[in-house]
Protein backbone atom coordinates (compact mmCIF):
# COMPACT_ATOMS: atom_id res chain seq x y z
CA MET A 1 0.00 0.00 0.00
CA ILE A 2 2.83 2.42 0.86
CA GLU A 3 4.48 1.69 -2.48
CA ARG A 4 1.28 2.42 -4.37
CA VAL A 5 0.75 5.71 -2.51
CA LYS A 6 4.31 6.76 -3.40
CA TRP A 7 3.89 6.30 -7.14
CA ILE A 8 0.45 7.93 -7.16
CA LEU A 9 1.90 10.96 -5.38
CA CYS A 10 4.73 10.96 -7.90
CA LEU A 11 2.26 11.18 -10.77
CA ILE A 12 0.22 13.87 -8.99
CA PHE A 13 3.39 15.92 -8.53
CA ALA A 14 4.13 15.50 -12.22
CA GLY A 15 0.64 16.79 -12.91
CA ALA A 16 1.64 20.10 -11.41
CA LEU A 17 4.57 20.22 -13.83
CA TRP A 18 2.33 19.43 -16.78
CA GLY A 19 0.70 22.81 -16.15
CA GLN A 20 4.08 24.28 -17.16
CA ASP A 21 3.48 22.80 -20.65
CA ALA A 22 6.57 20.55 -20.40
CA VAL A 23 5.06 17.06 -20.17
CA PRO A 24 1.84 15.70 -21.72
CA PRO A 25 -0.50 13.60 -19.57
CA SER A 26 0.09 9.86 -19.12
CA SER A 27 3.88 10.21 -19.20
CA PHE A 28 6.31 8.44 -16.87
CA LEU A 29 9.38 6.24 -16.70
CA LEU A 30 9.23 2.79 -15.11
CA LYS A 31 12.75 1.96 -13.99
CA GLY A 32 14.57 -0.98 -12.45
CA GLY A 33 12.16 -3.84 -13.05
CA THR A 34 12.32 -7.00 -15.15
CA VAL A 35 10.62 -6.17 -18.45
CA HIS A 36 8.84 -9.04 -20.21
CA THR A 37 8.31 -7.59 -23.67
CA ILE A 38 6.63 -10.83 -24.92
CA SER A 39 7.70 -9.98 -28.48
CA GLY A 40 11.41 -10.28 -27.64
CA PRO A 41 13.90 -11.10 -24.88
CA VAL A 42 13.38 -10.36 -21.20
CA ILE A 43 15.21 -7.21 -20.08
CA GLU A 44 16.67 -7.41 -16.58
CA ASN A 45 16.90 -4.10 -14.70
CA GLY A 46 15.00 -2.53 -17.60
CA SER A 47 13.11 0.68 -18.15
CA ILE A 48 9.97 1.72 -20.04
CA LEU A 49 9.45 5.32 -21.08
CA VAL A 50 5.85 6.37 -21.74
CA ARG A 51 4.75 9.65 -23.28
CA ASP A 52 1.12 10.64 -23.76
CA GLY A 53 -0.07 7.06 -23.26
CA ARG A 54 2.33 5.50 -25.79
CA ILE A 55 5.54 3.58 -25.20
CA ILE A 56 8.42 5.57 -26.69
CA GLY A 57 11.36 3.70 -25.18
CA VAL A 58 12.19 0.19 -23.92
CA GLY A 59 15.62 -0.91 -22.74
CA LYS A 60 18.26 -0.34 -20.08
CA ASN A 61 19.51 2.89 -18.53
CA LEU A 62 16.82 5.08 -20.07
CA SER A 63 16.61 8.64 -18.77
CA ALA A 64 13.44 10.59 -18.11
CA PRO A 65 12.98 13.94 -19.85
CA GLU A 66 12.65 16.92 -17.57
CA GLY A 67 9.44 16.85 -15.57
CA VAL A 68 8.61 13.22 -16.33
CA PRO A 69 8.08 11.23 -13.10
CA VAL A 70 10.34 8.23 -12.47
CA ILE A 71 8.71 5.22 -10.80
CA ASP A 72 11.15 2.82 -9.18
CA ILE A 73 9.98 -0.77 -9.67
CA THR A 74 13.16 -2.54 -8.61
CA GLY A 75 12.41 -6.19 -7.83
CA ARG A 76 9.12 -6.14 -9.76
CA GLN A 77 8.07 -7.71 -13.06
CA VAL A 78 6.46 -5.76 -15.93
CA TYR A 79 4.20 -7.36 -18.55
CA PRO A 80 1.82 -6.08 -21.21
CA GLY A 81 -1.77 -6.11 -20.00
CA MET A 82 -3.71 -9.27 -20.77
CA ILE A 83 -6.49 -9.43 -23.39
CA ASP A 84 -9.54 -11.69 -23.14
CA SER A 85 -10.29 -12.65 -26.77
CA GLY A 86 -13.98 -13.36 -26.10
CA SER A 87 -16.06 -11.97 -23.28
CA SER A 88 -19.16 -10.06 -22.26
CA THR A 89 -17.67 -8.44 -19.16
CA GLY A 90 -19.70 -5.46 -18.00
CA ILE A 91 -22.73 -6.35 -20.12
CA ASP A 92 -26.02 -7.29 -18.47
CA LYS A 93 -27.28 -10.71 -19.53
CA GLU A 94 -30.37 -9.35 -21.26
CA ASP A 95 -28.21 -7.06 -23.40
CA THR A 96 -25.82 -9.67 -24.82
CA ALA A 97 -28.20 -10.96 -27.53
CA GLU A 98 -30.81 -9.50 -29.87
CA MET A 99 -33.78 -11.15 -31.54
CA GLY A 100 -33.49 -12.23 -35.15
CA LEU A 101 -31.04 -14.34 -37.14
CA PHE A 102 -28.96 -11.52 -38.64
CA ASN A 103 -27.69 -8.54 -36.64
CA PRO A 104 -24.17 -7.82 -37.92
CA GLN A 105 -24.65 -4.09 -37.28
CA LEU A 106 -25.01 -4.45 -33.51
CA ASN A 107 -22.05 -3.43 -31.34
CA PRO A 108 -21.97 -4.87 -27.80
CA ALA A 109 -19.50 -2.17 -26.73
CA ASN A 110 -22.44 0.24 -26.75
CA VAL A 111 -24.11 -1.54 -23.83
CA VAL A 112 -21.09 -2.09 -21.58
CA ASN A 113 -21.84 -0.73 -18.11
CA PRO A 114 -18.73 1.17 -16.95
CA GLU A 115 -19.95 0.85 -13.35
CA SER A 116 -20.15 -2.97 -13.42
CA ASP A 117 -18.42 -4.63 -10.45
CA PHE A 118 -16.94 -7.20 -12.83
CA ILE A 119 -14.74 -4.59 -14.53
CA PRO A 120 -12.53 -3.66 -11.55
CA ALA A 121 -12.34 -7.32 -10.55
CA THR A 122 -11.11 -8.15 -14.05
CA ARG A 123 -8.46 -5.44 -14.30
CA ALA A 124 -7.19 -6.11 -10.77
CA ASN A 125 -5.98 -9.48 -12.06
CA GLY A 126 -4.03 -7.95 -14.94
CA VAL A 127 -6.64 -8.13 -17.73
CA THR A 128 -6.60 -4.63 -19.24
CA SER A 129 -8.94 -5.18 -22.21
CA VAL A 130 -11.51 -7.64 -23.50
CA MET A 131 -13.12 -8.45 -26.84
CA GLU A 132 -16.82 -7.86 -26.24
CA MET A 133 -18.78 -10.38 -28.32
CA ALA A 134 -22.41 -10.14 -29.32
CA GLU A 135 -24.48 -13.32 -28.90
CA GLY A 136 -27.45 -14.52 -30.90
CA GLU A 137 -28.66 -17.20 -33.30
CA LEU A 138 -26.59 -16.80 -36.48
CA ILE A 139 -24.83 -13.51 -37.24
CA ALA A 140 -24.98 -12.02 -33.78
CA GLY A 141 -23.14 -8.73 -34.19
CA GLN A 142 -19.79 -7.03 -33.93
CA VAL A 143 -16.77 -7.88 -31.79
CA SER A 144 -15.10 -4.80 -30.29
CA LEU A 145 -12.12 -4.29 -28.01
CA VAL A 146 -12.77 -2.28 -24.86
CA HIS A 147 -10.43 -1.20 -22.09
CA MET A 148 -11.29 -2.14 -18.52
CA GLU A 149 -11.24 1.50 -17.47
CA GLY A 150 -13.27 4.55 -18.42
CA PHE A 151 -16.22 6.68 -17.36
CA THR A 152 -18.22 6.07 -20.56
CA ASN A 153 -18.53 3.48 -23.33
CA ASP A 154 -16.73 5.76 -25.76
CA ALA A 155 -13.87 6.28 -23.32
CA MET A 156 -13.48 2.51 -22.89
CA LEU A 157 -13.69 1.66 -26.61
CA MET A 158 -10.32 0.76 -28.11
CA ALA A 159 -11.25 -0.82 -31.46
CA ARG A 160 -14.75 -0.90 -32.91
CA GLY A 161 -15.73 -3.75 -35.21
CA ALA A 162 -12.63 -5.93 -35.01
CA ALA A 163 -14.74 -8.81 -36.36
CA VAL A 164 -18.32 -9.98 -36.92
CA HIS A 165 -19.57 -12.92 -34.87
CA LEU A 166 -21.20 -15.88 -36.62
CA ILE A 167 -22.55 -18.83 -34.64
CA PHE A 168 -22.30 -21.55 -37.26
CA PRO A 169 -25.35 -23.82 -37.67
CA VAL A 170 -25.03 -27.29 -36.22
CA ILE A 171 -27.08 -30.47 -36.25
CA ALA A 172 -27.63 -30.48 -32.52
CA THR A 173 -29.52 -33.39 -31.05
CA ARG A 174 -28.29 -32.22 -27.65
CA PRO A 175 -26.73 -28.83 -26.92
CA ALA A 176 -23.09 -28.42 -25.91
CA PRO A 177 -22.76 -27.40 -22.24
CA ALA A 178 -22.41 -23.66 -21.68
CA HIS A 179 -19.16 -22.24 -20.31
CA GLU A 180 -21.26 -20.18 -17.94
CA PRO A 181 -24.19 -22.10 -16.44
CA GLU A 182 -27.41 -20.25 -15.67
CA ASP A 183 -26.85 -20.69 -11.94
CA ASP A 184 -23.40 -21.60 -10.70
CA ASP A 185 -24.81 -22.52 -7.29
CA ASP A 186 -26.86 -25.47 -8.54
CA GLU A 187 -25.77 -28.87 -7.28
CA PRO A 188 -24.64 -31.10 -10.18
CA THR A 189 -27.06 -33.78 -9.03
CA THR A 190 -30.03 -31.39 -9.32
CA ALA A 191 -29.19 -30.09 -12.80
CA VAL A 192 -31.96 -30.79 -15.31
CA GLU A 193 -30.80 -32.79 -18.33
CA GLN A 194 -31.61 -31.25 -21.70
CA PRO A 195 -34.04 -33.38 -23.73
CA VAL A 196 -32.60 -35.09 -26.80
CA VAL A 197 -33.89 -33.60 -30.08
CA PRO A 198 -34.75 -36.18 -32.78
CA TYR A 199 -32.17 -36.18 -35.56
CA SER A 200 -34.76 -35.40 -38.25
CA GLU A 201 -35.84 -32.24 -36.43
CA ALA A 202 -32.24 -31.17 -35.79
CA LYS A 203 -31.32 -31.75 -39.45
CA GLN A 204 -34.32 -29.78 -40.66
CA ALA A 205 -33.44 -26.83 -38.38
CA TYR A 206 -29.83 -27.00 -39.62
CA ASP A 207 -30.87 -26.99 -43.29
CA GLU A 208 -33.19 -24.02 -42.74
CA LYS A 209 -30.45 -22.00 -41.02
CA MET A 210 -27.86 -22.84 -43.67
CA LYS A 211 -30.25 -21.73 -46.42
CA ALA A 212 -31.00 -18.51 -44.55
CA LEU A 213 -27.28 -17.89 -44.07
CA ARG A 214 -26.45 -18.42 -47.75
CA ASP A 215 -29.38 -16.23 -48.80
CA PHE A 216 -28.24 -13.46 -46.47
CA PHE A 217 -24.71 -13.52 -47.90
CA ASP A 218 -26.12 -13.42 -51.43
CA ALA A 219 -28.34 -10.44 -50.54
CA ALA A 220 -25.45 -8.62 -48.87
CA ARG A 221 -23.27 -9.21 -51.93
CA ARG A 222 -25.98 -7.84 -54.25
CA TYR A 223 -26.31 -4.79 -52.01
CA ARG A 224 -22.54 -4.20 -52.21
CA HIS A 225 -22.54 -4.54 -56.00
CA ALA A 226 -25.44 -2.09 -56.28
CA LYS A 227 -23.56 0.48 -54.18
CA GLN A 228 -20.42 0.06 -56.26
CA ALA A 229 -22.20 0.32 -59.62
CA LYS A 230 -21.61 3.60 -61.44
CA GLY A 231 -24.60 5.49 -62.69
CA GLY A 232 -27.02 3.03 -61.15
CA ARG A 233 -29.77 3.68 -58.64
CA MET A 234 -28.42 3.63 -55.10
CA PRO A 235 -30.14 1.04 -52.91
CA GLU A 236 -31.93 2.12 -49.78
CA THR A 237 -29.49 2.03 -46.88
CA ASP A 238 -29.65 -1.21 -44.90
CA ARG A 239 -27.46 -1.22 -41.80
CA ARG A 240 -27.24 -5.00 -41.76
CA TYR A 241 -25.79 -5.16 -45.27
CA GLU A 242 -23.59 -2.13 -44.61
CA ALA A 243 -22.01 -4.03 -41.71
CA MET A 244 -21.29 -6.96 -44.03
CA ILE A 245 -19.40 -4.98 -46.69
CA PRO A 246 -16.01 -5.07 -44.84
CA VAL A 247 -16.44 -8.85 -44.42
CA LEU A 248 -17.15 -9.34 -48.12
CA ASP A 249 -14.26 -7.03 -49.04
CA GLY A 250 -11.89 -9.09 -46.89
CA THR A 251 -10.92 -6.17 -44.64
CA GLN A 252 -12.74 -7.57 -41.62
CA PRO A 253 -12.79 -11.20 -40.45
CA MET A 254 -15.72 -13.19 -39.17
CA ILE A 255 -15.16 -14.95 -35.87
CA VAL A 256 -17.06 -18.21 -36.22
CA THR A 257 -18.18 -20.23 -33.23
CA ALA A 258 -17.81 -23.87 -34.25
CA VAL A 259 -17.35 -26.36 -31.43
CA ARG A 260 -17.36 -29.88 -32.87
CA GLU A 261 -15.41 -31.38 -35.76
CA ARG A 262 -18.27 -31.31 -38.27
CA GLU A 263 -19.03 -27.64 -37.48
CA ILE A 264 -15.38 -26.74 -37.92
CA ARG A 265 -15.13 -28.50 -41.28
CA ASP A 266 -18.40 -26.95 -42.47
CA ALA A 267 -17.35 -23.47 -41.32
CA ILE A 268 -14.02 -23.69 -43.17
CA ALA A 269 -15.76 -24.93 -46.33
CA PHE A 270 -18.34 -22.13 -46.08
CA ALA A 271 -15.61 -19.50 -45.67
CA ALA A 272 -13.73 -20.83 -48.71
CA LYS A 273 -16.91 -20.76 -50.84
CA GLU A 274 -17.86 -17.24 -49.74
CA LYS A 275 -14.21 -16.05 -49.96
CA ILE A 276 -14.16 -14.53 -46.47
CA ARG A 277 -11.54 -14.54 -43.72
CA ILE A 278 -12.49 -16.34 -40.54
CA ILE A 279 -11.26 -16.90 -37.00
CA LEU A 280 -12.44 -20.06 -35.28
CA ALA A 281 -14.00 -19.45 -31.86
CA ASP A 282 -14.33 -22.06 -29.12
CA PRO A 283 -13.42 -25.02 -31.39
CA TYR A 284 -13.23 -27.73 -28.73
CA GLU A 285 -12.54 -30.44 -31.33
CA ALA A 286 -9.92 -28.44 -33.25
CA TYR A 287 -7.39 -31.11 -32.30
CA LYS A 288 -9.16 -33.48 -34.71
CA VAL A 289 -8.61 -31.23 -37.76
CA LEU A 290 -5.25 -29.55 -37.15
CA PRO A 291 -3.92 -30.06 -40.72
CA LEU A 292 -7.12 -28.59 -42.20
CA ILE A 293 -6.94 -25.49 -39.98
CA LYS A 294 -3.25 -25.04 -40.71
CA SER A 295 -3.67 -25.44 -44.48
CA HIS A 296 -6.21 -22.60 -44.54
CA ASN A 297 -4.04 -20.39 -42.30
CA ILE A 298 -6.89 -19.88 -39.82
CA SER A 299 -6.31 -18.51 -36.33
CA VAL A 300 -8.11 -19.96 -33.33
CA VAL A 301 -9.63 -18.50 -30.17
CA LEU A 302 -9.85 -21.37 -27.69
CA GLY A 303 -12.40 -21.53 -24.92
CA PRO A 304 -11.45 -21.81 -21.24
CA THR A 305 -8.92 -24.51 -20.41
CA TYR A 306 -10.84 -25.40 -17.27
CA SER A 307 -13.59 -27.19 -19.20
CA LEU A 308 -15.05 -30.65 -18.85
CA PRO A 309 -14.87 -33.08 -21.81
CA LEU A 310 -17.72 -32.73 -24.30
CA GLU A 311 -18.20 -36.48 -24.72
CA ARG A 312 -18.03 -39.31 -22.21
CA ASP A 313 -15.17 -40.98 -24.07
CA ASP A 314 -13.09 -37.82 -24.54
CA ALA A 315 -9.76 -37.67 -22.74
CA TYR A 316 -10.24 -36.04 -19.35
CA ASP A 317 -7.45 -33.53 -20.07
CA GLN A 318 -8.33 -32.64 -23.67
CA SER A 319 -9.00 -28.98 -22.92
CA TYR A 320 -5.62 -28.77 -21.21
CA THR A 321 -3.66 -30.37 -24.06
CA THR A 322 -5.31 -28.64 -27.04
CA PRO A 323 -3.25 -25.41 -26.65
CA SER A 324 0.04 -27.33 -26.91
CA GLN A 325 -1.31 -29.31 -29.89
CA LEU A 326 -2.15 -26.08 -31.71
CA TYR A 327 1.24 -24.60 -30.84
CA LYS A 328 3.11 -27.67 -32.15
CA ALA A 329 1.02 -27.59 -35.34
CA GLY A 330 2.07 -23.97 -35.95
CA ILE A 331 -1.45 -22.56 -35.59
CA LYS A 332 -1.78 -19.11 -34.01
CA PHE A 333 -4.21 -19.18 -31.12
CA SER A 334 -5.37 -17.24 -28.12
CA ILE A 335 -7.37 -18.22 -25.05
CA ALA A 336 -10.70 -16.65 -24.05
CA THR A 337 -13.16 -17.11 -21.22
CA PHE A 338 -16.36 -16.52 -23.27
CA SER A 339 -17.87 -15.31 -20.02
CA SER A 340 -19.44 -12.25 -18.44
CA LYS A 341 -18.14 -13.14 -14.99
CA SER A 342 -14.83 -14.95 -15.33
CA SER A 343 -12.47 -12.75 -17.35
CA ARG A 344 -10.57 -12.21 -14.10
CA ASN A 345 -9.55 -15.89 -14.27
CA LEU A 346 -7.98 -15.55 -17.72
CA PRO A 347 -4.36 -15.84 -16.48
CA TYR A 348 -5.13 -19.15 -14.78
CA GLN A 349 -6.83 -20.52 -17.91
CA ALA A 350 -3.55 -19.92 -19.75
CA ALA A 351 -1.43 -21.27 -16.91
CA ALA A 352 -3.35 -24.56 -16.83
CA ALA A 353 -2.02 -25.45 -20.29
CA VAL A 354 1.64 -25.16 -19.27
CA PRO A 355 1.95 -28.50 -17.41
CA PHE A 356 0.41 -30.17 -20.48
CA GLY A 357 3.09 -29.13 -22.94
CA LEU A 358 2.56 -25.44 -23.75
CA PRO A 359 5.72 -23.35 -23.15
CA HIS A 360 5.23 -20.69 -20.51
CA ASP A 361 6.07 -17.81 -22.84
CA GLU A 362 3.51 -19.09 -25.34
CA ALA A 363 0.90 -19.28 -22.60
CA TYR A 364 1.32 -15.56 -21.90
CA LYS A 365 1.31 -14.81 -25.62
CA ALA A 366 -2.06 -16.57 -25.83
CA VAL A 367 -3.55 -13.89 -23.57
CA SER A 368 -1.62 -10.91 -24.94
CA LEU A 369 0.26 -10.61 -28.24
CA ASN A 370 -1.50 -13.47 -30.05
CA ALA A 371 -4.89 -12.10 -29.03
CA ALA A 372 -4.01 -8.68 -30.46
CA GLU A 373 -2.54 -10.06 -33.68
CA ILE A 374 -5.47 -12.38 -34.38
CA PHE A 375 -7.80 -9.37 -34.49
CA GLY A 376 -5.40 -7.18 -36.47
CA LEU A 377 -4.34 -5.08 -33.49
CA GLY A 378 -0.79 -6.37 -33.10
CA LYS A 379 0.74 -2.99 -33.98
CA LYS A 380 -1.13 -1.33 -31.11
CA LEU A 381 -1.30 -3.84 -28.27
CA GLY A 382 -0.10 -7.11 -26.84
CA SER A 383 3.60 -6.50 -26.15
CA ILE A 384 5.96 -3.91 -24.70
CA ASP A 385 7.35 -2.23 -27.81
CA GLU A 386 7.90 1.32 -28.95
CA GLY A 387 4.82 2.89 -30.48
CA LYS A 388 2.30 0.67 -28.71
CA VAL A 389 -0.37 1.68 -26.23
CA ALA A 390 0.95 1.65 -22.67
CA ASP A 391 -1.28 -1.09 -21.25
CA LEU A 392 1.10 -2.34 -18.56
CA ILE A 393 0.93 -4.40 -15.39
CA VAL A 394 3.56 -4.45 -12.65
CA THR A 395 3.57 -7.59 -10.52
CA ASP A 396 5.42 -9.14 -7.61
CA GLY A 397 5.80 -12.45 -9.47
CA ASP A 398 4.55 -14.47 -12.41
CA PRO A 399 1.06 -13.13 -13.27
CA LEU A 400 -0.03 -16.62 -14.36
CA GLU A 401 0.48 -17.81 -10.79
CA ALA A 402 -2.41 -17.36 -8.35
CA SER A 403 0.04 -16.42 -5.59
CA SER A 404 1.25 -13.33 -7.51
CA HIS A 405 -0.32 -9.89 -7.25
CA VAL A 406 -0.67 -6.95 -9.60
CA THR A 407 0.82 -4.03 -7.66
CA MET A 408 0.46 -1.32 -10.34
CA GLU A 409 -1.44 -1.07 -13.58
CA PHE A 410 -1.62 1.39 -16.44
CA ILE A 411 -4.31 1.46 -19.12
CA ASP A 412 -3.63 3.76 -22.05
CA GLY A 413 -0.77 5.12 -19.94
CA LYS A 414 -3.04 6.14 -17.08
CA PRO A 415 -2.68 4.61 -13.59
CA VAL A 416 -5.80 2.68 -12.58
CA ASN A 417 -7.32 1.89 -9.23
CA LEU A 418 -6.88 -1.78 -8.28
CA ASP A 419 -9.53 -1.80 -5.57
CA THR A 420 -12.43 -4.22 -6.02
CA ARG A 421 -15.72 -4.85 -4.28
CA GLN A 422 -14.29 -8.10 -2.96
CA LYS A 423 -11.24 -6.36 -1.53
CA LYS A 424 -13.33 -3.68 0.13
CA LEU A 425 -15.56 -6.30 1.75
CA TYR A 426 -12.50 -8.25 2.89
CA GLU A 427 -10.97 -5.15 4.50
CA LYS A 428 -14.30 -4.27 6.07
CA TYR A 429 -14.85 -7.61 7.75
CA VAL A 430 -11.24 -8.42 8.60
CA ALA A 431 -11.26 -5.29 10.75
CA ARG A 432 -14.49 -6.27 12.46
CA PRO A 433 -14.15 -6.07 16.28
């Protein structure tokens, strides 16, 4: 606590100097810590110089310009802030999905509640940003990156429309278990089993959705052609089709939820036919089609490592070994929680894959640099390099270890409060007479 007060006072003092027009806001020098750049070698006794929220220097023996506060972090570790590649943190449950099969224009970042208690709990564990994903039936909406700090939605928004979310149709005779049950307090023995849907009904529903999906792509493509035609009559603006134009142009990927092997194969075939770029989301059975994924140069966003097997005869540790299998196959992947409540556990989801063959450095990449690069944000985030946004965490140990603590944190170069509702309650009751 004393250490945190010291560096906050240091930044406040620098604020007085900023009034002398010497130093822009969000400028400081971290000095003396071990810098884990993630993109390169570890720098012992390193320094990070930040100006106006951007990293402008990384190395040893850096000097601070006049008026820039120096924060001594000797004995500490510095990492880039973690990124949850799929989440709905800060979004009320009723706001995560919209009615209708096709809503590519919807942006979940617009309904993030900056006052949600889940946001400070998430950032206190080193997760500085999350990919907010819309949910729905088919094309659910946009995927946008938001910072875990800010007074308004606009202040939190880092990258709007990084992808469009498609939940690929599946012949589902029984649904896959959710990562986030309706009520976590239910006893397993009292959980109600989902009824089995007859195959004929499941196949009919699948065929209807696939036809609707193909028809929607065809309509969106006609809309794009009509807009591009010279001298023709401009079509009436349709926000759904407008949102699909970057996907059809290849400038924006679709992130496709496809869990089982057949869904994954179908999704890849669909993407090839429609000539669109895709990212596979939550592909539990990706390990069954590694050569296919690799041959199409598709990136993967894995679901939480702490997941039970989908089938009774699946290996008990399949979720733990899939990350190392993807790494050995040369497939770029990240790890996500796909949760509104559990983004704070992201570091432990990555850590769980390390004993099962994933190198430690690759585990941290899966929740930082890989996550940024998969969504086309690798030049802005994910590592400690010059020119990138200063999303930084300072820790007293390995942030993937539950025994370590985040002692300082900067989002967009600004120091953030690490207090949480849980911490306040702990301090309240531990002091009870």
